[in-house]
């Protein structure tokens, strides 16, 4: 169970047999990270975290989350430069802590990417509804919500049946991924330019209309519950919006498709993190300054609501279009990350070989893409956004903790292994990454922990019933 995979065996996997196409440069990797980081976190979860947990201090929540990401990102950068392979945290754990821990983190990444993509797909559906409403087109509310959600339409409460637009965008992005990584990257680059331009426009145009009274009190008084406002609420807000920072994790899954991974992977991971953190803090500051945080409660599109307090009402349509494009790229990159992790796990024999079969023409793991189009589509169709968002956050944090631990182990077991990038201030940086991420996990609601434990229990069952017997490394 705890046998570790030798470093040379991992590197051998990148040269033997059919391989993923190496088409990504440093710029593509940075935009890949920005493409997935600037998404639901900035346009949707910002409003949720401000309304329910942190108030205007959601800006501090983003800084805390970014701090945890910075520690973890430095550890990811070292591993990505050493092990240019698609498995990300799964492969890093296999080399440092053994097969069982690797399986656990791989199974955890299924949760992280799948429910992350579902979260964004649900938000995409909500903004599509806003855009269509501007043109006096309203789709049936029952077909844009999960069965666990309700909405008031013409004075009547309507129960959801299925979120069809969320399923549509999930399937569409999966088809683009099957077509090829290079084509997917081109689409992502275009969308990144579009949504970063809109984010900057929102910051600059909205800054002059900030109502400073909306910042009072900056840290609302705690209501008596651990996570409801006050400083504990700010930390809980950080744990909730932490979901927004999984972009550099997704970048690491593309290592096997990078042209020069040893140089470009650290640039892609850390570059996208720095750029997006600055944009997040400024964006959240403007949004909570334009509209009182209390008015974001239950608001499906908080950014659109904040724009109503400026004379740029016409900008509402533009920003919604940019958000829809941005969300599309987020769904695409998360689905790509998931399929690449399954690709690596399948190559190791821990999952059926069907997940590592490449398309004869496009050289993409197309069968894995098809599976997750269905799996994520079910989540997006039938599960509320708050549930999937928190599930993805705890999955991300758990992955970061194990990667930070992995750097400490690797420095002891393979101190002389070539490292194109070295995490600075070891052991301080990895230990702080573990501490900050564990504290944010602690701050998440109890029901989120219960879901994680249940998911891991299923994963352990799969490992002992299938993966342990079929492990290629064991044979």
Protein backbone atom coordinates (compact mmCIF):
# COMPACT_ATOMS: atom_id res chain seq x y z
CA UNK A 1 0.00 0.00 0.00
CA UNK A 2 2.82 2.42 0.79
CA UNK A 3 5.26 1.44 -1.95
CA UNK A 4 6.65 4.57 -3.61
CA UNK A 5 7.23 4.86 -7.34
CA UNK A 6 10.86 5.63 -8.25
CA UNK A 7 11.51 9.00 -9.85
CA UNK A 8 13.12 7.39 -12.90
CA UNK A 9 10.02 5.26 -13.52
CA UNK A 10 7.81 8.35 -13.57
CA UNK A 11 10.10 10.10 -16.04
CA UNK A 12 10.17 6.96 -18.20
CA UNK A 13 6.37 7.18 -18.53
CA UNK A 14 6.78 10.49 -20.36
CA UNK A 15 8.77 8.90 -23.20
CA UNK A 16 7.39 5.37 -23.68
CA UNK A 17 4.27 4.51 -25.66
CA UNK A 18 1.67 6.95 -27.11
CA UNK A 19 2.10 10.42 -25.63
CA UNK A 20 0.01 13.56 -25.23
CA UNK A 21 1.00 16.30 -27.70
CA UNK A 22 3.51 18.88 -26.41
CA UNK A 23 1.89 22.12 -27.58
CA UNK A 24 1.93 24.52 -24.60
CA UNK A 25 4.45 27.31 -23.94
CA UNK A 26 4.87 29.57 -20.89
CA UNK A 27 2.28 32.08 -22.14
CA UNK A 28 -0.27 29.31 -22.74
CA UNK A 29 0.31 27.97 -19.22
CA UNK A 30 -0.12 31.40 -17.61
CA UNK A 31 -3.34 32.01 -19.54
CA UNK A 32 -4.46 28.47 -18.69
CA UNK A 33 -4.11 29.37 -15.01
CA UNK A 34 -5.81 32.76 -15.42
CA UNK A 35 -8.49 31.08 -17.51
CA UNK A 36 -9.59 28.86 -14.65
CA UNK A 37 -8.79 31.16 -11.68
CA UNK A 38 -10.81 34.10 -12.96
CA UNK A 39 -14.22 32.49 -13.01
CA UNK A 40 -16.83 31.56 -10.44
CA UNK A 41 -14.67 32.84 -7.60
CA UNK A 42 -14.60 36.41 -8.80
CA UNK A 43 -18.06 36.65 -10.38
CA UNK A 44 -20.19 34.52 -8.06
CA UNK A 45 -18.48 33.21 -4.92
CA UNK A 46 -17.30 36.74 -4.05
CA UNK A 47 -20.92 37.73 -3.48
CA UNK A 48 -21.71 34.53 -1.54
CA UNK A 49 -18.69 34.94 0.76
CA UNK A 50 -19.43 38.63 1.38
CA UNK A 51 -23.13 38.07 2.06
CA UNK A 52 -22.84 35.05 4.35
CA UNK A 53 -19.41 35.13 5.98
CA UNK A 54 -17.08 38.13 5.68
CA UNK A 55 -18.94 41.27 4.56
CA UNK A 56 -16.68 43.90 2.94
CA UNK A 57 -13.71 42.08 4.51
CA UNK A 58 -14.04 39.49 1.75
CA UNK A 59 -10.97 41.27 0.34
CA UNK A 60 -9.06 40.01 3.39
CA UNK A 61 -10.54 36.55 2.78
CA UNK A 62 -8.99 36.59 -0.70
CA UNK A 63 -5.61 37.64 0.72
CA UNK A 64 -5.68 34.80 3.28
CA UNK A 65 -6.67 32.32 0.58
CA UNK A 66 -3.92 33.64 -1.70
CA UNK A 67 -1.37 33.28 1.11
CA UNK A 68 -2.22 29.60 1.46
CA UNK A 69 -2.03 29.30 -2.32
CA UNK A 70 1.36 31.01 -2.43
CA UNK A 71 2.87 28.46 -0.03
CA UNK A 72 1.26 25.57 -1.91
CA UNK A 73 2.09 27.11 -5.30
CA UNK A 74 5.80 27.23 -4.51
CA UNK A 75 5.65 23.52 -3.62
CA UNK A 76 3.70 22.72 -6.79
CA UNK A 77 6.27 24.61 -8.87
CA UNK A 78 9.12 22.45 -7.53
CA UNK A 79 7.29 19.21 -8.27
CA UNK A 80 6.07 20.36 -11.69
CA UNK A 81 9.64 21.19 -12.76
CA UNK A 82 10.89 17.80 -11.49
CA UNK A 83 8.03 15.61 -12.74
CA UNK A 84 6.64 16.94 -16.04
CA UNK A 85 3.74 14.48 -16.10
CA UNK A 86 -0.03 14.83 -16.27
CA UNK A 87 -0.85 13.43 -12.83
CA UNK A 88 -0.23 16.58 -10.74
CA UNK A 89 -0.62 15.96 -6.97
CA UNK A 90 -1.46 12.31 -7.60
CA UNK A 91 1.95 11.62 -9.19
CA UNK A 92 3.80 13.74 -6.62
CA UNK A 93 2.23 11.71 -3.80
CA UNK A 94 3.04 8.39 -5.53
CA UNK A 95 6.74 9.30 -5.60
CA UNK A 96 6.90 10.62 -2.02
CA UNK A 97 4.27 8.91 0.15
CA UNK A 98 3.28 5.75 -1.65
CA UNK A 99 0.52 4.21 -3.71
CA UNK A 100 -2.33 4.37 -1.20
CA UNK A 101 -1.79 8.06 -0.43
CA UNK A 102 -1.49 8.69 -4.19
CA UNK A 103 -4.80 6.92 -4.75
CA UNK A 104 -6.45 8.99 -2.01
CA UNK A 105 -5.24 12.26 -3.53
CA UNK A 106 -6.18 11.12 -7.04
CA UNK A 107 -9.67 10.26 -5.84
CA UNK A 108 -9.76 13.62 -4.06
CA UNK A 109 -8.86 15.38 -7.32
CA UNK A 110 -11.88 13.75 -8.92
CA UNK A 111 -13.95 15.56 -6.31
CA UNK A 112 -12.02 18.82 -6.72
CA UNK A 113 -12.22 19.09 -10.49
CA UNK A 114 -15.59 17.47 -11.08
CA UNK A 115 -17.57 19.49 -8.55
CA UNK A 116 -15.50 22.55 -9.40
CA UNK A 117 -16.56 22.30 -13.03
CA UNK A 118 -20.15 21.70 -11.90
CA UNK A 119 -20.06 24.84 -9.71
CA UNK A 120 -18.98 27.00 -12.62
CA UNK A 121 -21.46 25.37 -15.01
CA UNK A 122 -24.30 26.22 -12.59
CA UNK A 123 -23.10 29.83 -12.36
CA UNK A 124 -22.87 29.92 -16.19
CA UNK A 125 -26.52 28.91 -16.31
CA UNK A 126 -27.52 31.75 -13.96
CA UNK A 127 -25.71 34.41 -15.95
CA UNK A 128 -27.20 33.04 -19.18
CA UNK A 129 -30.63 33.60 -17.62
CA UNK A 130 -29.63 37.21 -16.82
CA UNK A 131 -28.43 37.83 -20.38
CA UNK A 132 -31.55 36.38 -21.99
CA UNK A 133 -33.72 38.46 -19.64
CA UNK A 134 -32.11 41.63 -21.00
CA UNK A 135 -33.53 40.63 -24.39
CA UNK A 136 -36.94 39.81 -22.86
CA UNK A 137 -36.37 36.07 -23.24
CA UNK A 138 -37.04 33.96 -20.15
CA UNK A 139 -36.43 30.23 -20.13
CA UNK A 140 -38.64 28.12 -17.81
CA UNK A 141 -37.23 28.50 -14.28
CA UNK A 142 -37.82 24.80 -13.62
CA UNK A 143 -35.24 23.91 -16.28
CA UNK A 144 -32.53 26.21 -14.86
CA UNK A 145 -32.40 24.94 -11.26
CA UNK A 146 -31.67 21.73 -9.36
CA UNK A 147 -34.59 19.90 -7.69
CA UNK A 148 -33.34 21.26 -4.33
CA UNK A 149 -33.77 24.91 -5.34
CA UNK A 150 -36.78 27.19 -5.64
CA UNK A 151 -37.47 30.56 -7.26
CA UNK A 152 -40.30 33.08 -7.17
CA UNK A 153 -41.76 33.66 -10.66
CA UNK A 154 -44.70 36.07 -11.07
CA UNK A 155 -45.45 35.83 -7.37
CA UNK A 156 -45.45 32.02 -7.31
CA UNK A 157 -42.81 29.71 -5.88
CA UNK A 158 -41.43 27.35 -8.52
CA UNK A 159 -39.46 24.17 -7.77
CA UNK A 160 -36.49 23.26 -9.96
CA UNK A 161 -36.38 20.07 -12.03
CA UNK A 162 -33.03 20.09 -13.87
CA UNK A 163 -30.41 22.67 -14.80
CA UNK A 164 -30.27 22.13 -18.57
CA UNK A 165 -27.97 25.07 -19.53
CA UNK A 166 -25.36 23.78 -17.05
CA UNK A 167 -25.47 20.37 -18.73
CA UNK A 168 -25.17 22.00 -22.16
CA UNK A 169 -21.98 23.95 -21.38
CA UNK A 170 -20.40 20.89 -19.73
CA UNK A 171 -20.97 18.73 -22.81
CA UNK A 172 -19.86 21.48 -25.22
CA UNK A 173 -16.54 22.07 -23.43
CA UNK A 174 -15.91 18.32 -23.28
CA UNK A 175 -16.31 18.09 -27.06
CA UNK A 176 -13.80 20.93 -27.55
CA UNK A 177 -11.32 19.12 -25.29
CA UNK A 178 -11.66 15.94 -27.31
CA UNK A 179 -10.76 17.98 -30.41
CA UNK A 180 -7.29 18.76 -28.98
CA UNK A 181 -5.27 20.69 -26.37
CA UNK A 182 -3.86 23.21 -28.87
CA UNK A 183 -7.33 24.19 -30.07
CA UNK A 184 -8.58 24.35 -26.48
CA UNK A 185 -5.65 26.62 -25.55
CA UNK A 186 -6.42 29.00 -28.43
CA UNK A 187 -10.02 29.33 -27.30
CA UNK A 188 -8.86 29.84 -23.72
CA UNK A 189 -6.37 32.57 -24.72
CA UNK A 190 -9.11 34.52 -26.51
CA UNK A 191 -11.52 34.21 -23.58
CA UNK A 192 -8.82 35.22 -21.05
CA UNK A 193 -8.11 38.46 -22.93
CA UNK A 194 -11.85 39.16 -23.04
CA UNK A 195 -12.62 38.57 -19.37
CA UNK A 196 -9.47 40.24 -17.99
CA UNK A 197 -10.39 43.31 -20.05
CA UNK A 198 -13.88 43.30 -18.56
CA UNK A 199 -12.56 42.80 -15.01
CA UNK A 200 -10.20 45.77 -15.43
CA UNK A 201 -13.00 47.87 -16.93
CA UNK A 202 -15.26 47.03 -13.96
CA UNK A 203 -12.52 48.06 -11.51
CA UNK A 204 -11.69 51.34 -13.25
CA UNK A 205 -15.25 52.39 -14.10
CA UNK A 206 -16.71 51.33 -10.76
CA UNK A 207 -13.99 52.86 -8.55
CA UNK A 208 -15.38 56.38 -8.90
CA UNK A 209 -18.86 55.32 -7.71
CA UNK A 210 -17.85 53.50 -4.53
CA UNK A 211 -20.04 54.38 -1.56
CA UNK A 212 -17.71 54.30 1.46
CA UNK A 213 -20.70 53.77 3.78
CA UNK A 214 -20.92 50.24 2.38
CA UNK A 215 -17.58 49.48 4.06
CA UNK A 216 -18.92 50.27 7.55
CA UNK A 217 -18.30 48.07 9.45
CA UNK A 218 -15.53 46.58 7.36
CA UNK A 219 -15.53 43.41 9.49
CA UNK A 220 -19.20 42.91 10.55
CA UNK A 221 -19.79 41.80 14.13
CA UNK A 222 -19.98 38.06 14.65
CA UNK A 223 -23.54 36.75 15.04
CA UNK A 224 -22.56 34.11 17.60
CA UNK A 225 -21.93 31.31 15.11
CA UNK A 226 -18.32 30.43 14.29
CA UNK A 227 -18.54 31.19 10.57
CA UNK A 228 -21.01 34.09 10.55
CA UNK A 229 -18.99 37.30 10.24
CA UNK A 230 -16.32 38.57 12.61
CA UNK A 231 -12.76 37.34 12.07
CA UNK A 232 -13.87 33.71 12.09
CA UNK A 233 -16.25 34.60 9.28
CA UNK A 234 -13.40 36.19 7.34
CA UNK A 235 -11.42 32.92 7.58
CA UNK A 236 -14.48 30.89 6.58
CA UNK A 237 -14.91 33.26 3.65
CA UNK A 238 -11.31 32.51 2.71
CA UNK A 239 -12.05 28.78 2.78
CA UNK A 240 -15.11 29.27 0.56
CA UNK A 241 -13.39 31.46 -2.04
CA UNK A 242 -10.31 29.23 -1.95
CA UNK A 243 -12.12 27.25 -4.65
CA UNK A 244 -11.35 30.14 -6.97
CA UNK A 245 -7.60 29.52 -6.77
CA UNK A 246 -7.45 25.96 -8.10
CA UNK A 247 -6.15 27.30 -11.40
CA UNK A 248 -2.47 26.64 -10.80
CA UNK A 249 -3.35 23.11 -9.70
CA UNK A 250 -4.96 22.64 -13.12
CA UNK A 251 -1.83 24.10 -14.76
CA UNK A 252 0.27 21.34 -13.19
CA UNK A 253 -1.90 18.66 -14.82
CA UNK A 254 -0.83 20.01 -18.23
CA UNK A 255 2.89 19.45 -17.52
CA UNK A 256 3.13 16.54 -19.95
CA UNK A 257 1.84 18.77 -22.75
CA UNK A 258 4.29 21.62 -22.06
CA UNK A 259 7.11 22.21 -24.56
CA UNK A 260 9.68 23.11 -21.87
CA UNK A 261 8.11 22.04 -18.54
CA UNK A 262 11.18 22.60 -16.36
CA UNK A 263 11.23 26.31 -17.19
CA UNK A 264 7.62 27.02 -18.09
CA UNK A 265 5.69 25.19 -15.35
CA UNK A 266 6.87 27.42 -12.45
CA UNK A 267 6.16 30.49 -14.62
CA UNK A 268 2.65 29.25 -15.41
CA UNK A 269 1.80 28.31 -11.81
CA UNK A 270 3.20 31.32 -9.95
CA UNK A 271 2.55 33.89 -12.69
CA UNK A 272 -1.16 33.11 -12.92
CA UNK A 273 -1.46 33.12 -9.11
CA UNK A 274 0.11 36.59 -8.69
CA UNK A 275 -1.90 38.21 -11.50
CA UNK A 276 -5.22 36.79 -10.35
CA UNK A 277 -4.75 37.60 -6.65
CA UNK A 278 -4.27 41.30 -7.45
CA UNK A 279 -7.36 41.29 -9.69
CA UNK A 280 -9.46 39.45 -7.09
CA UNK A 281 -8.73 41.87 -4.25
CA UNK A 282 -9.39 44.97 -6.38
CA UNK A 283 -12.55 43.47 -7.88
CA UNK A 284 -13.98 42.47 -4.47
CA UNK A 285 -13.18 45.93 -3.06
CA UNK A 286 -15.09 47.67 -5.86
CA UNK A 287 -18.03 45.25 -5.79
CA UNK A 288 -18.65 45.58 -2.04
CA UNK A 289 -18.17 49.34 -2.35
CA UNK A 290 -20.82 49.69 -5.04
CA UNK A 291 -23.43 47.54 -3.25
CA UNK A 292 -23.96 46.76 0.44
CA UNK A 293 -22.91 43.18 1.16
CA UNK A 294 -26.31 42.42 2.76
CA UNK A 295 -27.98 42.85 -0.62
CA UNK A 296 -25.97 39.97 -2.09
CA UNK A 297 -27.88 37.40 0.00
CA UNK A 298 -29.46 34.94 -2.41
CA UNK A 299 -28.33 37.01 -5.41
CA UNK A 300 -27.52 34.76 -8.37
CA UNK A 301 -25.50 37.41 -10.25
CA UNK A 302 -23.95 39.81 -7.68
CA UNK A 303 -21.72 41.57 -10.21
CA UNK A 304 -24.69 42.57 -12.35
CA UNK A 305 -26.41 43.92 -9.23
CA UNK A 306 -23.37 46.01 -8.28
CA UNK A 307 -23.22 47.56 -11.77
CA UNK A 308 -26.74 48.91 -11.30
CA UNK A 309 -25.23 51.50 -8.91
CA UNK A 310 -23.21 53.09 -11.72
CA UNK A 311 -24.35 55.07 -14.79
CA UNK A 312 -22.85 52.33 -16.96
CA UNK A 313 -25.98 50.20 -17.21
CA UNK A 314 -25.01 49.32 -20.79
CA UNK A 315 -21.88 47.70 -19.34
CA UNK A 316 -24.09 45.11 -17.67
CA UNK A 317 -24.70 43.32 -20.95
CA UNK A 318 -21.00 43.38 -21.87
CA UNK A 319 -19.85 42.00 -18.53
CA UNK A 320 -22.40 39.19 -18.59
CA UNK A 321 -21.19 38.13 -22.05
CA UNK A 322 -17.58 38.18 -20.78
CA UNK A 323 -18.60 36.18 -17.71
CA UNK A 324 -20.29 33.55 -19.88
CA UNK A 325 -17.16 33.26 -22.01
CA UNK A 326 -14.97 33.20 -18.91
CA UNK A 327 -17.01 30.52 -17.21
CA UNK A 328 -16.82 28.42 -20.37
CA UNK A 329 -13.01 28.42 -20.24
CA UNK A 330 -13.06 27.55 -16.53
CA UNK A 331 -15.27 24.52 -17.14
CA UNK A 332 -13.00 23.47 -20.01
CA UNK A 333 -9.73 23.70 -18.02
CA UNK A 334 -11.17 21.89 -14.99
CA UNK A 335 -12.47 19.08 -17.18
CA UNK A 336 -9.05 18.90 -18.85
CA UNK A 337 -7.33 18.65 -15.47
CA UNK A 338 -9.62 15.86 -14.37
CA UNK A 339 -9.13 13.79 -17.50
CA UNK A 340 -5.33 14.17 -17.22
CA UNK A 341 -5.30 12.91 -13.63
CA UNK A 342 -7.40 9.89 -14.64
CA UNK A 343 -5.04 9.39 -17.59
CA UNK A 344 -2.08 9.05 -15.21
CA UNK A 345 -3.96 6.82 -12.75
CA UNK A 346 -5.04 4.57 -15.61
CA UNK A 347 -1.46 4.35 -16.96
CA UNK A 348 -0.45 3.08 -13.49
CA UNK A 349 -3.18 0.43 -13.57
CA UNK A 350 -5.16 1.91 -10.68
CA UNK A 351 -8.06 2.58 -13.03
CA UNK A 352 -9.23 0.66 -16.13
CA UNK A 353 -7.11 1.16 -19.26
CA UNK A 354 -10.04 2.82 -21.04
CA UNK A 355 -9.15 6.11 -19.30
CA UNK A 356 -5.66 6.25 -20.83
CA UNK A 357 -6.69 5.36 -24.39
CA UNK A 358 -5.87 8.25 -26.73
CA UNK A 359 -7.93 9.33 -29.71
CA UNK A 360 -6.19 7.99 -32.86
CA UNK A 361 -6.25 11.42 -34.53
CA UNK A 362 -6.40 14.06 -31.78
CA UNK A 363 -4.21 12.22 -29.20
CA UNK A 364 -6.50 13.20 -26.32
CA UNK A 365 -7.94 10.89 -23.62
CA UNK A 366 -11.36 11.14 -25.25
CA UNK A 367 -13.08 8.32 -23.38
CA UNK A 368 -12.20 9.97 -20.08
CA UNK A 369 -13.60 13.25 -21.44
CA UNK A 370 -16.86 11.52 -22.35
CA UNK A 371 -17.18 9.96 -18.91
CA UNK A 372 -16.70 13.27 -17.12
CA UNK A 373 -19.08 15.06 -19.45
CA UNK A 374 -21.73 12.71 -18.05
CA UNK A 375 -20.47 12.71 -14.43
CA UNK A 376 -20.07 16.49 -14.13
CA UNK A 377 -23.26 17.03 -16.08
CA UNK A 378 -25.20 15.08 -13.44
CA UNK A 379 -23.70 17.20 -10.63
CA UNK A 380 -24.48 20.41 -12.51
CA UNK A 381 -28.02 19.29 -13.30
CA UNK A 382 -29.15 18.18 -9.86
CA UNK A 383 -26.94 19.67 -7.06
CA UNK A 384 -27.19 23.26 -5.64
CA UNK A 385 -24.23 25.61 -6.27
CA UNK A 386 -23.35 26.23 -2.60
CA UNK A 387 -22.96 22.49 -1.95
CA UNK A 388 -20.66 21.79 -4.91
CA UNK A 389 -18.62 24.95 -4.28
CA UNK A 390 -17.77 23.99 -0.68
CA UNK A 391 -17.04 20.39 -1.70
CA UNK A 392 -14.53 21.61 -4.26
CA UNK A 393 -12.85 23.91 -1.72
CA UNK A 394 -12.19 21.13 0.78
CA UNK A 395 -10.90 18.87 -2.00
CA UNK A 396 -8.50 21.56 -3.17
CA UNK A 397 -7.20 22.26 0.33
CA UNK A 398 -6.62 18.57 0.99
CA UNK A 399 -4.59 18.26 -2.23
CA UNK A 400 -2.48 21.29 -1.29
CA UNK A 401 -1.68 19.85 2.15
CA UNK A 402 -0.37 16.62 0.65
CA UNK A 403 1.74 18.44 -1.98
CA UNK A 404 3.34 20.57 0.76
CA UNK A 405 4.06 17.41 2.76
CA UNK A 406 5.48 15.83 -0.38
CA UNK A 407 8.15 18.52 -0.76
CA UNK A 408 9.35 17.88 2.80
CA UNK A 409 9.52 14.13 2.14
CA UNK A 410 11.25 14.54 -1.25
CA UNK A 411 13.95 16.79 0.23
CA UNK A 412 14.79 13.94 2.64
CA UNK A 413 14.46 10.94 0.31
CA UNK A 414 15.79 12.49 -2.94
CA UNK A 415 17.89 15.49 -1.90
CA UNK A 416 20.10 15.34 -5.02
CA UNK A 417 17.37 14.92 -7.63
CA UNK A 418 17.54 17.60 -10.38
CA UNK A 419 15.23 20.52 -9.57
CA UNK A 420 14.75 23.24 -12.19
CA UNK A 421 12.87 25.21 -9.53
CA UNK A 422 13.48 24.88 -5.78
CA UNK A 423 10.88 25.88 -3.21
CA UNK A 424 12.54 28.63 -1.08
CA UNK A 425 12.82 28.59 2.72
CA UNK A 426 12.20 24.89 3.24
CA UNK A 427 10.86 23.72 5.68
CA UNK A 428 9.14 27.06 6.53
CA UNK A 429 7.15 27.42 3.27
CA UNK A 430 5.77 23.82 3.16
CA UNK A 431 4.91 23.85 6.88
CA UNK A 432 3.11 27.18 6.58
CA UNK A 433 1.24 25.84 3.55
CA UNK A 434 0.09 22.86 5.62
CA UNK A 435 -0.92 25.05 8.58
CA UNK A 436 -2.86 27.65 6.56
CA UNK A 437 -4.65 25.05 4.42
CA UNK A 438 -5.54 22.87 7.43
CA UNK A 439 -6.96 25.89 9.25
CA UNK A 440 -9.14 26.79 6.27
CA UNK A 441 -10.34 23.18 6.08
CA UNK A 442 -11.25 23.42 9.77
CA UNK A 443 -13.23 26.59 9.02
CA UNK A 444 -15.48 24.88 6.47
CA UNK A 445 -18.99 23.76 7.55
CA UNK A 446 -19.43 20.30 9.13
CA UNK A 447 -21.63 18.96 6.33
CA UNK A 448 -18.79 19.62 3.87
CA UNK A 449 -16.51 17.41 5.99
CA UNK A 450 -19.16 14.68 6.08
CA UNK A 451 -19.40 14.69 2.29
CA UNK A 452 -15.59 14.51 1.97
CA UNK A 453 -15.40 11.54 4.36
CA UNK A 454 -18.21 9.77 2.49
CA UNK A 455 -16.47 10.36 -0.84
CA UNK A 456 -13.16 9.07 0.55
CA UNK A 457 -14.89 5.97 1.95
CA UNK A 458 -16.12 5.15 -1.57
CA UNK A 459 -12.60 5.73 -2.89
CA UNK A 460 -11.03 3.36 -0.34
CA UNK A 461 -13.57 0.70 -1.31
CA UNK A 462 -12.64 1.09 -4.99
CA UNK A 463 -8.92 0.90 -4.15
CA UNK A 464 -9.14 -2.39 -2.26
CA UNK A 465 -11.65 -3.99 -4.64
CA UNK A 466 -9.89 -3.01 -7.90
CA UNK A 467 -6.85 -0.72 -7.87
CA UNK A 468 -4.62 -2.62 -5.43
CA UNK A 469 -4.99 -5.82 -7.49
CA UNK A 470 -4.35 -4.15 -10.86
CA UNK A 471 -1.45 -1.85 -9.92
CA UNK A 472 1.25 -2.12 -12.62
CA UNK A 473 3.92 -1.01 -10.19
CA UNK A 474 2.98 -3.78 -7.75
CA UNK A 475 3.34 -6.37 -10.52
